[in-house]
Protein backbone atom coordinates (compact mmCIF):
# COMPACT_ATOMS: atom_id res chain seq x y z
CA MET A 1 -0.08 0.20 -0.01
CA ASP A 2 1.45 3.64 -0.90
CA HIS A 3 1.35 5.65 2.29
CA LEU A 4 0.86 9.42 1.75
CA ASP A 5 3.24 11.89 2.03
CA GLU A 6 4.17 14.80 4.71
CA MET A 7 2.86 17.88 2.31
CA THR A 8 -0.11 16.13 1.37
CA CYS A 9 -1.00 15.10 5.07
CA LEU A 10 0.06 18.87 5.87
CA LEU A 11 -2.37 20.05 2.97
CA TYR A 12 -5.49 18.07 4.18
CA ALA A 13 -4.52 19.28 8.16
CA GLU A 14 -4.91 23.06 6.76
CA ARG A 15 -7.88 21.92 4.79
CA GLN A 16 -5.71 23.39 1.45
CA LEU A 17 -6.91 20.41 -1.10
CA ASP A 18 -10.16 19.91 -3.49
CA ARG A 19 -13.11 17.99 -2.04
CA ALA A 20 -12.50 15.04 -4.46
CA ARG A 21 -8.83 14.31 -3.11
CA ALA A 22 -9.60 15.49 0.95
CA GLN A 23 -12.35 12.28 0.56
CA ALA A 24 -9.29 10.09 -1.18
CA VAL A 25 -7.16 11.05 1.87
CA SER A 26 -9.74 10.61 4.30
CA ALA A 27 -10.57 7.23 3.59
CA HIS A 28 -7.13 6.61 3.28
CA THR A 29 -5.90 7.50 6.92
CA GLN A 30 -8.50 5.44 8.10
CA ASP A 31 -7.45 2.29 6.93
CA CYS A 32 -3.37 3.05 7.17
CA ALA A 33 -2.24 3.31 10.98
CA ALA A 34 0.74 5.01 9.80
CA CYS A 35 -0.59 7.60 7.52
CA ARG A 36 -3.27 7.88 10.49
CA THR A 37 -0.27 8.47 13.48
CA LEU A 38 1.41 10.78 11.06
CA LEU A 39 -1.70 12.96 10.32
CA ARG A 40 -2.25 13.57 14.03
CA ALA A 41 1.32 14.31 14.41
CA LEU A 42 1.12 17.29 11.71
CA ASP A 43 -2.38 17.94 12.93
CA ARG A 44 -0.82 18.53 16.53
CA GLU A 45 2.47 20.66 15.36
CA SER A 46 -0.04 22.72 13.46
CA ARG A 47 -2.55 23.19 16.22
CA LEU A 48 0.89 24.38 18.80
CA LEU A 49 2.30 26.59 16.26
CA THR A 50 -0.76 28.82 15.25
CA ARG A 51 -1.82 29.16 19.49
CA ALA A 52 1.84 30.05 19.66
CA MET A 53 1.64 32.97 16.97
CA LEU A 54 -1.50 34.29 18.80
CA GLU A 55 -0.40 34.33 22.18
CA GLU A 56 0.52 38.36 23.62
CA ASP A 57 2.79 36.91 26.06
CA GLU A 58 5.43 34.71 25.26
CA PRO A 59 6.60 33.36 28.65
CA LEU A 60 10.26 33.30 28.60
CA PRO A 61 13.00 30.35 28.93
CA SER A 62 14.25 29.57 32.09
CA ARG A 63 17.45 30.99 32.34
CA LEU A 64 16.07 34.33 30.90
CA ALA A 65 13.86 34.46 33.24
CA GLU A 66 16.09 34.31 36.41
CA PHE A 67 18.42 36.59 34.63
CA GLN A 68 15.73 38.82 34.53
CA GLU A 69 14.10 38.19 38.20
CA ARG A 70 18.09 38.79 39.41
CA ALA A 71 18.17 41.49 37.78
CA ARG A 72 15.51 42.69 39.36
CA LYS A 73 15.87 42.35 42.61
CA SER A 74 19.19 44.20 42.35
CA PHE A 75 17.68 47.42 41.00
CA GLY A 76 17.09 48.12 44.78
CA TRP A 77 20.83 48.98 45.51
CA ILE A 78 21.28 50.51 42.14
CA TRP A 79 18.67 53.34 42.91
CA GLY A 80 20.07 53.37 46.64
CA VAL A 81 23.21 54.71 45.03
CA VAL A 82 21.44 56.93 42.47
CA PHE A 83 19.39 58.80 45.05
CA GLY A 84 22.79 59.25 47.42
CA LEU A 85 24.69 60.64 44.62
CA ALA A 86 21.55 63.20 44.24
CA ALA A 87 21.39 63.53 47.74
CA THR A 88 24.78 64.28 47.98
CA GLY A 89 24.18 66.81 44.74
CA VAL A 90 21.56 68.52 46.61
CA TYR A 91 23.99 69.24 49.47
CA ALA A 92 27.08 69.92 47.64
CA LEU A 93 24.74 72.63 46.15
CA TYR A 94 23.41 74.16 49.18
CA THR A 95 26.26 74.18 51.27
CA ASN A 96 28.57 75.98 48.29
CA LEU A 97 26.15 78.24 47.09
CA ILE A 98 22.88 78.57 48.55
CA GLU A 99 23.86 78.41 52.34
CA PRO A 100 26.39 81.10 51.88
CA TRP A 101 24.43 83.43 50.04
CA GLN A 102 21.86 82.97 52.98
CA LEU A 103 23.69 83.82 55.33
CA ARG A 104 25.09 86.95 53.89
CA LEU A 105 21.54 87.98 53.06
CA GLU A 106 20.49 87.16 56.70
CA GLN A 107 23.26 89.22 58.05
CA ALA A 108 22.19 92.28 56.06
CA GLY A 109 18.97 92.17 57.88
CA PHE A 110 16.34 90.78 55.59
CA GLY A 111 14.61 89.85 58.91
CA GLY A 112 15.96 86.76 59.33
CA THR A 113 13.85 84.63 57.16
CA SER A 114 15.11 81.90 54.84
CA LEU A 115 15.78 82.48 51.20
CA LEU A 116 13.00 80.35 49.70
CA SER A 117 10.36 83.13 51.82
CA LEU A 118 12.92 85.89 50.96
CA LEU A 119 11.98 84.78 47.16
CA VAL A 120 8.62 83.96 47.35
CA PHE A 121 6.52 86.07 49.72
CA GLN A 122 9.46 89.16 50.06
CA GLY A 123 10.42 89.03 46.43
CA ALA A 124 9.95 91.88 44.15
CA PHE A 125 7.56 90.29 41.91
CA TRP A 126 5.57 88.25 44.15
CA LYS A 127 2.82 91.08 44.38
CA GLY A 128 2.49 91.30 40.63
CA TRP A 129 0.53 88.02 40.43
CA GLN A 130 -2.38 89.50 42.10
CA SER A 131 -3.18 91.63 38.51
CA VAL A 132 -3.64 87.81 37.49
CA ILE A 133 -5.50 86.32 40.23
CA THR A 134 -8.56 86.38 38.17
CA LEU A 135 -7.87 85.45 34.94
CA LEU A 136 -6.03 82.23 36.38
CA GLU A 137 -9.09 81.47 38.64
CA VAL A 138 -11.13 81.27 35.50
CA LEU A 139 -8.70 79.05 33.63
CA ALA A 140 -8.72 76.89 36.38
CA MET A 141 -12.85 76.54 36.24
CA LEU A 142 -12.81 76.34 32.43
CA THR A 143 -10.20 73.45 32.89
CA VAL A 144 -12.30 71.53 35.76
CA ALA A 145 -15.49 71.94 33.13
CA GLY A 146 -13.37 70.59 30.23
CA PHE A 147 -12.57 67.73 31.80
CA GLY A 148 -15.99 67.08 32.96
CA VAL A 149 -17.46 67.21 30.35
CA VAL A 150 -14.72 64.95 28.85
CA LEU A 151 -15.52 62.55 31.30
CA PHE A 152 -19.43 62.63 30.84
CA ARG A 153 -19.41 63.52 27.03
CA ARG A 154 -20.08 59.14 26.51
CA ARG A 155 -23.75 59.45 28.88
CA LEU A 156 -24.69 62.92 27.84
CA ARG A 157 -26.65 63.44 24.58
CA ARG A 158 -26.05 65.99 21.80
CA GLY A 159 -29.10 68.13 23.25
CA SER A 160 -27.89 68.15 26.55
CA ALA A 161 -24.01 68.94 25.67
CA LEU A 162 -24.98 72.02 23.90
CA ALA A 163 -27.55 73.10 26.59
CA LEU A 164 -24.49 72.38 29.23
CA VAL A 165 -21.89 74.24 26.97
CA LEU A 166 -24.60 77.28 26.80
CA ALA A 167 -25.02 76.89 30.25
CA GLY A 168 -21.49 77.90 31.19
CA LEU A 169 -21.17 80.49 29.20
CA CYS A 170 -23.91 82.36 30.79
CA ALA A 171 -22.36 81.45 34.17
CA ALA A 172 -19.11 82.73 32.58
CA LEU A 173 -20.88 85.91 31.54
CA ALA A 174 -22.47 86.92 34.82
CA LEU A 175 -19.55 86.43 36.66
CA PRO A 176 -19.02 89.94 38.39
CA VAL A 177 -15.41 91.36 36.83
CA THR A 178 -13.51 93.12 39.31
CA ALA A 179 -11.30 96.06 38.53
CA GLY A 180 -7.42 95.20 38.53
CA ALA A 181 -5.65 97.79 40.83
CA THR A 182 -2.37 97.17 38.50
CA GLU A 183 -1.86 99.68 35.95
CA PHE A 184 0.18 99.37 32.76
CA HIS A 185 2.06 102.05 30.87
CA LYS A 186 4.25 101.97 28.20
CA THR A 187 5.54 104.29 25.53
CA GLU A 188 8.73 105.37 23.88
CA GLY A 189 8.94 108.86 25.13
CA ALA A 190 8.66 110.20 28.46
CA TYR A 191 6.39 108.98 31.57
CA GLU A 192 5.43 111.58 34.05
CA LEU A 193 3.25 111.04 37.43
CA SER A 194 2.73 114.50 38.20
CA ARG A 195 2.69 115.51 42.25
CA ASP A 196 -1.45 115.94 42.20
CA GLU A 197 -1.42 112.16 40.87
CA SER A 198 -1.57 108.74 42.51
CA VAL A 199 -1.86 105.70 41.81
CA LYS A 200 -4.31 102.95 43.74
CA GLY A 201 -1.88 99.99 43.35
CA ASP A 202 0.90 98.67 41.42
CA ILE A 203 2.34 99.98 38.51
CA PHE A 204 4.17 98.65 35.46
CA LEU A 205 6.03 101.15 33.80
CA THR A 206 8.24 100.74 30.41
CA CYS A 207 9.79 103.82 29.03
CA ALA A 208 12.17 105.52 27.95
CA ARG A 209 12.61 108.60 30.65
CA GLY A 210 11.04 108.20 33.74
CA ARG A 211 9.93 110.72 36.23
CA ILE A 212 7.58 110.19 39.36
CA ASP A 213 6.90 113.21 41.34
CA GLY A 214 2.93 111.72 42.75
CA THR A 215 2.04 108.77 44.92
CA ILE A 216 1.82 105.40 43.86
CA ASP A 217 -0.52 103.30 46.88
CA GLY A 218 1.72 99.61 45.60
CA ASP A 219 4.84 98.69 43.91
CA LEU A 220 6.64 100.79 40.98
CA PHE A 221 7.76 98.33 38.26
CA PHE A 222 10.50 100.01 35.87
CA PHE A 223 11.87 99.31 32.54
CA GLY A 224 13.88 101.76 30.69
CA GLN A 225 16.37 104.15 30.60
CA SER A 226 15.94 106.63 33.37
CA ILE A 227 14.07 107.08 35.79
CA GLU A 228 14.08 109.99 38.91
CA ILE A 229 11.35 109.23 42.13
CA SER A 230 10.66 112.18 43.85
CA GLY A 231 7.29 111.21 45.21
CA HIS A 232 6.26 108.75 47.67
CA ILE A 233 5.65 104.69 46.95
CA LYS A 234 4.38 103.30 49.69
CA GLY A 235 5.54 99.49 48.34
CA ASP A 236 8.64 98.43 46.74
CA ALA A 237 10.88 99.73 43.71
CA ILE A 238 11.99 97.33 41.61
CA ILE A 239 14.16 99.07 38.79
CA PHE A 240 15.83 98.23 35.40
CA ALA A 241 17.63 101.09 34.31
CA GLY A 242 20.38 102.73 32.82
CA SER A 243 20.16 105.49 35.79
CA ALA A 244 18.37 105.65 39.20
CA ARG A 245 17.85 108.57 41.05
CA ILE A 246 15.87 108.34 44.57
CA ASN A 247 14.72 111.65 45.53
CA GLY A 248 11.58 110.95 47.66
CA GLN A 249 10.45 108.57 49.77
CA ILE A 250 10.10 104.90 49.47
CA ASP A 251 8.39 103.06 52.19
CA GLY A 252 9.33 99.28 51.06
CA ASN A 253 12.39 97.83 49.67
CA ILE A 254 14.57 98.68 46.77
CA ARG A 255 15.69 96.15 43.84
CA SER A 256 18.06 98.05 41.73
CA PHE A 257 19.37 96.28 38.23
CA ALA A 258 21.15 99.55 36.47
CA ASN A 259 23.82 100.98 35.73
CA ASN A 260 24.27 103.85 38.72
CA LEU A 261 22.03 104.24 41.77
CA THR A 262 21.60 107.10 43.57
CA ILE A 263 19.66 107.82 46.62
CA THR A 264 19.02 111.48 48.18
CA GLY A 265 16.02 110.55 49.74
CA SER A 266 14.66 108.16 52.41
CA VAL A 267 14.30 103.72 51.87
CA GLY A 268 12.09 102.33 54.89
CA LYS A 269 13.17 99.42 54.19
CA ASN A 270 16.57 97.64 52.81
CA VAL A 271 18.18 98.05 49.45
CA LEU A 272 19.48 95.31 47.08
CA SER A 273 21.01 96.51 44.29
CA PHE A 274 23.25 95.14 41.20
CA ASN A 275 25.06 98.08 39.63
CA GLU A 276 28.00 99.29 38.74
CA VAL A 277 28.02 102.87 41.21
CA VAL A 278 25.80 102.86 44.14
CA ASN A 279 25.97 106.26 46.58
CA LEU A 280 23.72 107.11 49.49
CA ASP A 281 24.48 110.57 49.45
CA SER A 282 24.86 112.79 52.64
CA ALA A 283 21.41 113.59 52.52
CA GLY A 284 19.80 109.40 52.45
CA LYS A 285 18.54 106.95 54.80
CA VAL A 286 18.08 103.62 54.73
CA GLY A 287 16.07 102.24 57.67
CA GLY A 288 17.11 98.99 57.18
CA SER A 289 20.48 97.43 55.18
CA MET A 290 22.01 97.65 52.24
CA THR A 291 23.29 94.34 50.12
CA ALA A 292 25.36 95.68 46.71
CA LEU A 293 27.26 93.82 44.00
CA ALA A 294 29.19 96.67 42.16
CA GLU A 295 31.97 98.25 40.86
CA SER A 296 31.94 100.94 43.54
CA VAL A 297 30.37 101.99 46.30
CA GLY A 298 29.82 105.18 48.37
CA VAL A 299 28.15 105.67 51.72
CA ASP A 300 27.59 108.68 52.89
CA GLY A 301 24.67 109.29 54.49
CA HIS A 302 22.54 106.76 56.87
CA LEU A 303 21.98 103.09 56.87
CA GLY A 304 20.18 101.68 59.48
CA ARG A 305 21.51 98.30 59.61
CA ASP A 306 24.41 95.89 58.24
CA LEU A 307 26.00 96.75 55.07
CA ALA A 308 27.27 93.62 52.54
CA LEU A 309 29.14 94.76 49.90
CA PHE A 310 31.04 92.77 46.91
CA ALA A 311 32.58 95.54 45.37
CA ASP A 312 35.83 96.59 43.90
CA GLN A 313 35.99 100.14 45.39
CA THR A 314 34.67 100.97 48.82
CA ILE A 315 34.11 104.65 50.33
CA ILE A 316 32.20 105.04 53.81
CA SER A 317 32.02 108.45 54.99
CA GLY A 318 28.52 108.16 56.76
CA VAL A 319 26.99 106.39 59.57
CA VAL A 320 26.38 102.44 59.60
CA ASP A 321 24.23 101.59 62.88
CA GLY A 322 25.00 97.69 61.85
CA GLU A 323 27.96 95.73 61.34
CA ILE A 324 29.96 95.95 57.36
CA ARG A 325 31.04 92.64 55.79
CA ALA A 326 33.05 93.81 52.40
CA LYS A 327 35.13 91.83 49.92
CA GLY A 328 36.95 93.57 47.08
CA ARG A 329 39.97 95.19 46.25
CA THR A 330 40.01 98.61 48.33
CA MET A 331 38.17 100.19 51.28
CA SER A 332 38.40 103.71 52.46
CA ILE A 333 37.18 104.93 55.97
CA THR A 334 37.09 108.24 56.01
CA SER A 335 37.34 110.60 59.59
CA SER A 336 33.17 111.36 59.55
CA ALA A 337 32.63 107.53 59.41
CA GLN A 338 30.63 106.09 62.09
CA VAL A 339 30.28 102.44 62.32
CA GLY A 340 27.97 100.80 65.29
CA GLY A 341 28.89 97.32 64.92
CA PRO A 342 31.79 95.00 63.16
CA ILE A 343 33.95 95.31 60.13
CA HIS A 344 34.66 92.38 58.23
CA TYR A 345 36.79 93.04 55.64
CA THR A 346 38.18 90.73 52.74
CA GLY A 347 40.58 92.16 50.02
CA ASP A 348 43.78 92.39 48.29
CA GLN A 349 45.39 95.21 50.52
CA PRO A 350 44.32 96.41 53.92
CA ALA A 351 41.65 99.30 54.77
CA ASN A 352 42.70 102.73 55.17
CA VAL A 353 41.26 104.29 57.95
CA ALA A 354 41.42 107.82 58.71
CA SER A 355 42.45 108.92 62.63
CA GLY A 356 38.79 110.66 63.07
CA ALA A 357 36.25 107.68 62.12
CA LYS A 358 34.31 106.20 65.38
CA LEU A 359 34.36 102.48 64.76
CA ALA A 360 32.80 100.42 67.45
CA SER A 361 35.85 97.68 66.95
CA ALA A 362 39.16 97.55 64.94
CA VAL A 363 38.53 96.39 61.00
CA GLN A 364 39.08 92.30 60.99
CA PHE A 365 41.21 92.12 57.70
CA THR A 366 41.81 89.24 55.63
CA LYS A 367 44.06 88.61 52.78
CA ALA A 368 42.24 87.73 49.71
CA GLU A 369 43.88 84.52 48.53
CA HIS A 370 44.10 83.86 44.79
CA LYS A 371 44.71 80.24 44.54
CA SER A 372 43.81 78.11 41.76
CA ARG A 373 40.97 75.84 42.69
CA TYR A 374 43.01 73.18 40.39
CA THR A 375 46.03 73.09 43.11
CA GLU A 376 43.41 71.92 45.70
CA GLY A 377 42.21 68.41 46.61
CA HIS A 378 38.75 68.68 47.10
CA TYR A 379 38.08 70.27 43.65
CA TYR A 380 38.61 66.99 41.96
CA VAL A 381 37.08 65.12 44.43
CA TRP A 382 33.54 66.95 43.51
CA ARG A 383 34.23 66.62 40.38
CA VAL A 384 34.30 62.89 40.78
CA ILE A 385 31.25 63.19 41.97
CA TRP A 386 29.50 65.46 40.10
CA THR A 387 30.18 63.23 36.96
CA ALA A 388 29.12 60.10 39.02
CA ALA A 389 25.54 61.56 39.56
CA PHE A 390 25.38 62.58 36.42
CA VAL A 391 26.12 59.51 34.64
CA LEU A 392 23.08 58.27 37.37
CA PHE A 393 21.04 60.90 35.67
CA GLY A 394 21.77 59.57 32.41
CA MET A 395 21.17 55.90 32.94
CA VAL A 396 17.74 56.74 34.49
CA LEU A 397 17.13 58.64 31.58
CA PHE A 398 17.81 56.19 29.29
CA LEU A 399 15.99 53.41 31.37
CA LEU A 400 12.97 55.38 31.16
CA LEU A 401 12.68 56.43 27.49
CA PRO A 402 15.59 54.13 26.33
CA LYS A 403 13.42 54.60 22.24
CA PHE A 404 13.65 58.56 22.70
CA ALA A 405 17.61 57.75 24.17
CA GLU A 406 18.53 55.82 21.33
CA GLU A 407 17.09 58.45 18.91
CA SER A 408 18.80 61.32 20.17
CA VAL A 409 22.13 59.53 19.89
CA ARG A 410 21.37 58.72 16.52
CA ALA A 411 20.42 62.16 15.80
CA GLY A 412 23.85 63.35 17.19
CA GLU A 413 25.96 61.48 15.02
CA ARG A 414 25.39 63.59 11.99
CA VAL A 415 27.09 66.38 13.82
CA GLY A 416 26.17 69.10 11.12
CA ALA A 417 21.89 68.99 11.22
CA PRO A 418 22.29 69.12 15.27
CA LEU A 419 24.72 71.76 15.63
CA GLY A 420 22.52 73.99 13.03
CA LEU A 421 19.73 73.22 15.03
CA GLY A 422 21.08 73.78 18.16
CA LEU A 423 22.52 76.85 17.38
CA LEU A 424 19.02 78.19 16.58
CA VAL A 425 17.28 76.45 19.40
CA PHE A 426 20.04 77.34 22.56
CA PRO A 427 19.23 81.32 22.26
CA ALA A 428 15.73 81.10 20.57
CA VAL A 429 14.32 79.36 23.93
CA PRO A 430 15.03 81.96 26.54
CA ILE A 431 14.20 84.36 24.31
CA ALA A 432 10.89 83.37 23.84
CA CYS A 433 10.41 82.81 27.52
CA VAL A 434 11.12 86.05 28.23
CA ILE A 435 8.68 87.42 25.73
CA ALA A 436 5.80 85.02 27.35
CA CYS A 437 6.82 86.13 30.63
CA ILE A 438 6.15 89.63 29.51
CA THR A 439 2.67 89.11 28.56
CA VAL A 440 1.78 88.16 31.76
CA VAL A 441 -0.51 85.75 30.50
CA GLY A 442 2.11 83.40 28.86
CA ILE A 443 3.76 83.21 32.73
CA PRO A 444 3.27 79.61 33.57
CA LEU A 445 4.07 78.45 29.65
CA GLY A 446 7.18 80.79 29.64
CA VAL A 447 8.14 79.31 32.81
CA LEU A 448 7.44 75.77 31.80
CA THR A 449 9.10 76.41 28.69
CA PHE A 450 12.28 77.32 30.36
CA GLY A 451 12.76 74.46 32.94
CA LEU A 452 12.32 72.02 30.29
CA TRP A 453 15.22 74.26 28.29
CA ILE A 454 17.40 73.73 31.74
CA LEU A 455 16.74 70.49 31.73
CA GLY A 456 17.80 69.82 28.45
CA LEU A 457 21.00 71.54 29.23
CA PHE A 458 21.63 68.97 31.92
CA THR A 459 21.14 66.35 29.24
CA ALA A 460 23.12 67.79 26.38
CA GLU A 461 26.27 66.50 27.83
CA ILE A 462 24.64 63.11 28.40
CA VAL A 463 23.82 62.78 24.63
CA VAL A 464 27.34 64.15 23.41
CA GLY A 465 29.04 61.74 25.85
CA ALA A 466 26.80 58.72 24.44
CA VAL A 467 27.57 60.02 20.98
CA VAL A 468 31.68 60.00 21.50
CA GLY A 469 31.11 56.44 23.15
CA ASN A 470 29.68 55.13 19.80
CA TRP A 471 31.95 56.41 17.90
CA ILE A 472 35.05 54.82 20.03
CA LEU A 473 33.21 51.50 20.97
CA GLY A 474 30.53 50.99 17.83
CA ARG A 475 26.61 51.07 18.49
CA ALA A 476 25.36 49.33 21.22
CA ALA A 477 22.62 46.54 20.48
CA ASP A 478 20.56 46.90 23.71
CA THR A 479 19.77 49.93 26.30
CA TRP A 480 22.45 48.26 28.66
CA GLY A 481 25.23 48.94 26.06
CA LEU A 482 24.18 52.23 25.08
CA ILE A 483 24.45 53.09 28.68
CA GLY A 484 28.25 52.14 29.23
CA ARG A 485 29.12 53.76 25.73
CA MET A 486 27.29 56.77 27.37
CA ALA A 487 29.66 56.61 30.53
CA ALA A 488 32.52 56.07 29.10
CA GLY A 489 32.00 58.66 26.48
CA PHE A 490 30.71 61.15 29.08
CA VAL A 491 33.74 60.68 31.16
CA ILE A 492 36.13 61.37 28.00
CA VAL A 493 34.20 64.31 27.29
CA ARG A 494 35.21 65.52 30.86
CA VAL A 495 38.44 64.64 30.82
CA VAL A 496 39.09 66.58 27.65
CA TYR A 497 37.28 69.87 28.60
CA THR A 498 38.33 70.01 32.33
CA PRO A 499 41.99 71.21 31.20
CA LEU A 500 40.22 73.94 28.68
CA GLU A 501 38.50 75.30 31.71
CA HIS A 502 41.10 77.94 33.08
CA ILE A 503 41.14 79.33 29.40
CA HIS A 504 38.25 81.40 29.25
CA VAL A 505 37.74 81.88 25.36
CA ILE A 506 38.57 78.52 24.22
CA GLY A 507 36.68 76.89 27.61
CA ALA A 508 33.47 78.97 27.20
CA LEU A 509 33.51 77.69 23.13
CA VAL A 510 33.79 74.02 23.83
CA ALA A 511 31.15 73.94 26.34
CA LEU A 512 28.76 76.10 24.01
CA GLY A 513 29.51 73.39 21.31
CA ILE A 514 28.59 71.04 23.53
CA PHE A 515 25.59 72.46 25.09
CA MET A 516 24.21 73.39 21.03
CA TRP A 517 25.63 69.80 19.76
CA GLY A 518 23.30 68.07 22.39
CA MET A 519 20.18 70.46 22.53
CA GLY A 520 20.40 70.18 18.80
CA ALA A 521 20.20 66.23 18.49
CA ILE A 522 17.34 66.27 21.33
CA SER A 523 15.66 68.70 19.43
CA LEU A 524 15.93 66.74 15.93
CA ALA A 525 15.29 63.32 17.89
CA LEU A 526 11.43 65.42 18.79
CA TYR A 527 11.16 66.71 15.18
CA ASN A 528 11.42 62.98 13.83
CA ARG A 529 9.05 61.63 15.92
CA PHE A 530 6.37 64.47 15.39
CA GLN A 531 7.46 64.34 11.81
CA PRO A 532 4.50 62.78 9.94
CA LYS A 533 5.48 59.22 8.53
CA VAL A 534 4.62 57.85 4.80
CA SER A 535 4.04 54.31 3.82
CA ALA A 536 6.10 53.05 1.09
CA GLY A 537 2.91 51.76 -0.23
CA ALA A 538 1.16 55.09 -0.21
CA LEU A 539 4.32 56.00 -2.35
CA ALA A 540 3.99 53.54 -4.28
CA GLY A 541 0.58 53.55 -5.46
CA SER A 542 -2.99 52.00 -3.93
CA MET A 543 -3.32 49.09 -5.07
CA PRO A 544 -6.28 47.12 -3.24
CA PRO A 545 -5.33 43.89 -2.12
CA VAL A 546 -6.44 40.82 -3.90
CA SER A 547 -8.88 38.39 -2.36
CA LEU A 548 -8.47 35.17 -2.35
CA PRO A 549 -11.69 32.39 -1.68
CA PRO A 550 -11.25 30.35 1.31
CA HIS A 551 -9.43 26.93 1.44
CA THR A 552 -7.44 28.56 -1.32
CA THR A 553 -3.39 28.13 -1.89
CA ILE A 554 -1.58 30.50 -4.10
CA GLY A 555 -0.99 29.62 -7.46
CA GLY A 556 -3.87 26.93 -7.45
CA ILE A 557 -3.88 23.21 -6.45
CA GLN A 558 -0.26 21.64 -6.29
CA PRO A 559 -0.05 18.02 -7.87
CA ILE A 560 1.12 15.18 -5.34
């Protein structure tokens, strides 16, 4: 008796034979035990193969499953090291930067509050949010309403949804509109607030020249070339100008970012100044403290509390009721000076104190040491710590976003395109954020975008390190291989870049190039990801697929 071959049995199991041939095979398998066994085996294999192709979660082999479980357990200490180094970095940032400034500001008489409360609650721009509180409330209500419509859209009919929308619009129109207490004035020429005029709130003033002779019940925000204040400001004065002169009375604080600041009037609280020249005239009086970062500082008037200075040249001729902490090149104390507290001075040469000066104690002078940081051991220790922290930060990003990390690294390998795009993105994003914040309404969007830009700066060097690692070791086949190349390349970039830091121009250019390269690669990866893709079939033409009748092989029935 002739037996059936495997192809015939397989075609029979898949129902690919014609009716007559299928009946012949069925009759043969009923009489032949060998062919019946072969047909059952092929049918079982076909069913197992079909089931395996339809399963979504295919079980891993035992070795891979054990390795995955072992790696999952080892992630505990990896995350511990990550958070430990992150805490070390935060501690280093706080002890080396934030804490010294906090101590100086508290010693300068800012009420002994923390730096956060100083910036948020006593800051210059916090009160400006009062003018947009109503807008933020309306936006919040509209957002909640939008979420409600999305959640209940399936349960609402079209008529009910239309009625709900109309009712919401009527309610929004019926809300009482509060009159804003903030005034905005913008002109290319001069602005003057006369003596008999007053502003019942805050005022934002943008002009070339400003003159305030009247009364402002709130704060003054000035942006321009020059301003003269001879009136009365009951709040704070925040000044961005080339020249500022204070002849009147300010009950609050002065925050000045100008070329020169002259105070001949009275300031009720504190003065914080980032200027080239700061002068407290003999007729001027500051009730609180003064903190100045300037090239030249002169104090001829009366200062009610402490004086903190970072100035190249300092001259004290007036009265300082508190202590003085100064750092600079030269310091002179004339015979008419009176200082009620201790004087701590750090400079290149001792302070010049006249014989008639009335000081509570002698000047405590500390010689400024200009020692290179590259000769100190802790510099390299912190370099290693920061490098390890960046590597772990990159590892976390690559594990969270493996596909996007690979796309960014591949985009960075093109060099020319990411550098060109980074040259555009690097300065354009901060400018756009500033423009958005000026419009007041766009402040949340501007702050969020600027935060993402800062995050891009931190990740740019990581992307460049991964590109360098790929160039040296070749492309990685998996995520962990890419992480290893990123770590090696990042260390190489840091080792090459560190000696160039003391060469200011070359170091700045190299750092700028790294930032633009990395940010350009990230921007290019984002662009490629959101760019719509056209399938090859659409380009070749839209040909409808040919449908075959069921249980039919392509090419017809094949002979045995």
